Amino acid sequence: MDIQVPRVDGRARKSLVHDVIDRDSGQRVGTLECGYGTRLPNMRQPGRTISLFGGRHRGCFETHAECVAFAKGVESVINSDSLDHAERASQRSLRLS
């Protein structure tokens, strides 16, 4: 799995939804919704929301780099789970032989 988060131009990002793609399969695995963050005196509300795998993994961030880091974290967990599952399956088949 190789998740690609689209880079969004900040000038034209209000309320647009962009597809997040798995480069390995070419499938859409989530969305990136961009809006304008709000600024308060001591705080800023993030303007980007990324949702992966039907909303099972969701986060709100200020920058593109934060969205990419989140997606890569989810990707690494999924990849390690699938490797663990493959190793367990191969060990089971060796035991059955």
C-alpha atoms as a PDB file:
ATOM      1  CA  MET A   1       0.000   0.000   0.000  1.00  0.00           C
ATOM      2  CA  ASP A   2       1.267   3.455  -0.937  1.00  0.00           C
ATOM      3  CA  ILE A   3      -1.170   6.229  -0.006  1.00  0.00           C
ATOM      4  CA  GLN A   4      -0.959   9.440  -2.037  1.00  0.00           C
ATOM      5  CA  VAL A   5      -2.398  12.599  -0.476  1.00  0.00           C
ATOM      6  CA  PRO A   6      -3.077  15.226  -3.177  1.00  0.00           C
ATOM      7  CA  ARG A   7      -1.373  18.599  -2.828  1.00  0.00           C
ATOM      8  CA  VAL A   8      -4.047  21.284  -2.773  1.00  0.00           C
ATOM      9  CA  ASP A   9      -3.521  24.880  -3.834  1.00  0.00           C
ATOM     10  CA  GLY A  10      -4.365  27.042  -0.825  1.00  0.00           C
ATOM     11  CA  ARG A  11      -5.957  29.738  -2.942  1.00  0.00           C
ATOM     12  CA  ALA A  12      -8.647  27.448  -4.359  1.00  0.00           C
ATOM     13  CA  ARG A  13      -9.286  25.000  -1.563  1.00  0.00           C
ATOM     14  CA  LYS A  14     -12.521  26.203   0.015  1.00  0.00           C
ATOM     15  CA  SER A  15     -14.932  23.312   0.632  1.00  0.00           C
ATOM     16  CA  LEU A  16     -13.477  21.053  -2.031  1.00  0.00           C
ATOM     17  CA  VAL A  17     -13.180  17.304  -1.547  1.00  0.00           C
ATOM     18  CA  HIS A  18     -10.217  15.528  -3.145  1.00  0.00           C
ATOM     19  CA  ASP A  19      -9.629  11.792  -3.514  1.00  0.00           C
ATOM     20  CA  VAL A  20      -6.835  10.072  -1.606  1.00  0.00           C
ATOM     21  CA  ILE A  21      -5.463   7.230  -3.749  1.00  0.00           C
ATOM     22  CA  ASP A  22      -3.546   4.022  -3.066  1.00  0.00           C
ATOM     23  CA  ARG A  23      -0.848   4.107  -5.759  1.00  0.00           C
ATOM     24  CA  ASP A  24      -0.351   0.335  -5.640  1.00  0.00           C
ATOM     25  CA  SER A  25      -3.952  -0.567  -6.461  1.00  0.00           C
ATOM     26  CA  GLY A  26      -5.157   2.684  -8.029  1.00  0.00           C
ATOM     27  CA  GLN A  27      -8.180   2.579  -5.708  1.00  0.00           C
ATOM     28  CA  ARG A  28      -9.664   5.525  -3.830  1.00  0.00           C
ATOM     29  CA  VAL A  29      -9.007   4.910  -0.122  1.00  0.00           C
ATOM     30  CA  GLY A  30     -10.282   8.166   1.320  1.00  0.00           C
ATOM     31  CA  THR A  31     -10.884  11.874   0.959  1.00  0.00           C
ATOM     32  CA  LEU A  32      -9.179  15.134   1.788  1.00  0.00           C
ATOM     33  CA  GLU A  33     -11.575  17.960   2.490  1.00  0.00           C
ATOM     34  CA  CYS A  34     -10.138  21.446   2.502  1.00  0.00           C
ATOM     35  CA  GLY A  35     -11.632  24.591   3.900  1.00  0.00           C
ATOM     36  CA  TYR A  36     -10.425  27.699   5.631  1.00  0.00           C
ATOM     37  CA  GLY A  37      -9.195  27.281   9.178  1.00  0.00           C
ATOM     38  CA  THR A  38     -10.432  29.812  11.716  1.00  0.00           C
ATOM     39  CA  ARG A  39      -8.085  31.854  13.835  1.00  0.00           C
ATOM     40  CA  LEU A  40      -8.823  32.726  17.422  1.00  0.00           C
ATOM     41  CA  PRO A  41      -6.521  34.843  19.581  1.00  0.00           C
ATOM     42  CA  ASN A  42      -4.645  31.897  21.106  1.00  0.00           C
ATOM     43  CA  MET A  43      -5.651  29.072  18.797  1.00  0.00           C
ATOM     44  CA  ARG A  44      -6.155  28.114  15.159  1.00  0.00           C
ATOM     45  CA  GLN A  45      -8.710  25.577  13.968  1.00  0.00           C
ATOM     46  CA  PRO A  46      -7.361  23.294  11.249  1.00  0.00           C
ATOM     47  CA  GLY A  47      -8.656  23.668   7.711  1.00  0.00           C
ATOM     48  CA  ARG A  48      -7.912  20.187   6.295  1.00  0.00           C
ATOM     49  CA  THR A  49      -9.751  16.992   7.185  1.00  0.00           C
ATOM     50  CA  ILE A  50      -8.488  13.652   5.923  1.00  0.00           C
ATOM     51  CA  SER A  51     -10.652  10.551   6.144  1.00  0.00           C
ATOM     52  CA  LEU A  52      -9.306   7.115   5.218  1.00  0.00           C
ATOM     53  CA  PHE A  53     -11.000   3.739   4.770  1.00  0.00           C
ATOM     54  CA  GLY A  54     -14.604   4.799   5.176  1.00  0.00           C
ATOM     55  CA  GLY A  55     -13.933   7.118   8.110  1.00  0.00           C
ATOM     56  CA  ARG A  56     -12.181   4.515  10.275  1.00  0.00           C
ATOM     57  CA  HIS A  57      -9.102   6.772  10.319  1.00  0.00           C
ATOM     58  CA  ARG A  58      -9.818  10.498  10.445  1.00  0.00           C
ATOM     59  CA  GLY A  59      -7.857  13.599  11.408  1.00  0.00           C
ATOM     60  CA  CYS A  60      -7.961  17.389  11.124  1.00  0.00           C
ATOM     61  CA  PHE A  61      -4.766  19.282  10.351  1.00  0.00           C
ATOM     62  CA  GLU A  62      -3.408  22.682   9.320  1.00  0.00           C
ATOM     63  CA  THR A  63      -0.813  21.712   6.741  1.00  0.00           C
ATOM     64  CA  HIS A  64      -0.330  19.340   3.839  1.00  0.00           C
ATOM     65  CA  ALA A  65       2.721  17.844   5.571  1.00  0.00           C
ATOM     66  CA  GLU A  66       0.624  16.923   8.617  1.00  0.00           C
ATOM     67  CA  CYS A  67      -1.959  15.208   6.370  1.00  0.00           C
ATOM     68  CA  VAL A  68       0.788  13.243   4.603  1.00  0.00           C
ATOM     69  CA  ALA A  69       2.356  12.220   7.939  1.00  0.00           C
ATOM     70  CA  PHE A  70      -1.036  10.996   9.186  1.00  0.00           C
ATOM     71  CA  ALA A  71      -1.661   9.011   5.977  1.00  0.00           C
ATOM     72  CA  LYS A  72       1.838   7.484   6.092  1.00  0.00           C
ATOM     73  CA  GLY A  73       1.268   6.470   9.722  1.00  0.00           C
ATOM     74  CA  VAL A  74      -1.988   4.729   8.827  1.00  0.00           C
ATOM     75  CA  GLU A  75      -0.264   3.139   5.830  1.00  0.00           C
ATOM     76  CA  SER A  76       2.591   1.776   7.953  1.00  0.00           C
ATOM     77  CA  VAL A  77       0.198   0.238  10.477  1.00  0.00           C
ATOM     78  CA  ILE A  78      -1.852  -1.413   7.729  1.00  0.00           C
ATOM     79  CA  ASN A  79       1.278  -2.653   5.961  1.00  0.00           C
ATOM     80  CA  SER A  80       2.712  -4.103   9.174  1.00  0.00           C
ATOM     81  CA  ASP A  81      -0.621  -5.787   9.985  1.00  0.00           C
ATOM     82  CA  SER A  82      -0.757  -7.386   6.547  1.00  0.00           C
ATOM     83  CA  LEU A  83       2.870  -8.567   6.891  1.00  0.00           C
ATOM     84  CA  ASP A  84       2.121 -10.039  10.312  1.00  0.00           C
ATOM     85  CA  HIS A  85      -0.946 -11.779   8.882  1.00  0.00           C
ATOM     86  CA  ALA A  86       1.068 -13.180   5.947  1.00  0.00           C
ATOM     87  CA  GLU A  87       3.794 -14.450   8.298  1.00  0.00           C
ATOM     88  CA  ARG A  88       1.236 -16.135  10.547  1.00  0.00           C
ATOM     89  CA  ALA A  89      -0.463 -17.766   7.561  1.00  0.00           C
ATOM     90  CA  SER A  90       2.838 -19.101   6.212  1.00  0.00           C
ATOM     91  CA  GLN A  91       3.795 -20.427   9.662  1.00  0.00           C
ATOM     92  CA  ARG A  92       0.400 -22.160   9.905  1.00  0.00           C
ATOM     93  CA  SER A  93       0.847 -23.798   6.516  1.00  0.00           C
ATOM     94  CA  LEU A  94       4.340 -25.005   7.534  1.00  0.00           C
ATOM     95  CA  ARG A  95       2.924 -26.542  10.713  1.00  0.00           C
ATOM     96  CA  LEU A  96       0.175 -28.305   8.753  1.00  0.00           C
ATOM     97  CA  SER A  97       2.650 -29.850   6.315  1.00  0.00           C
END
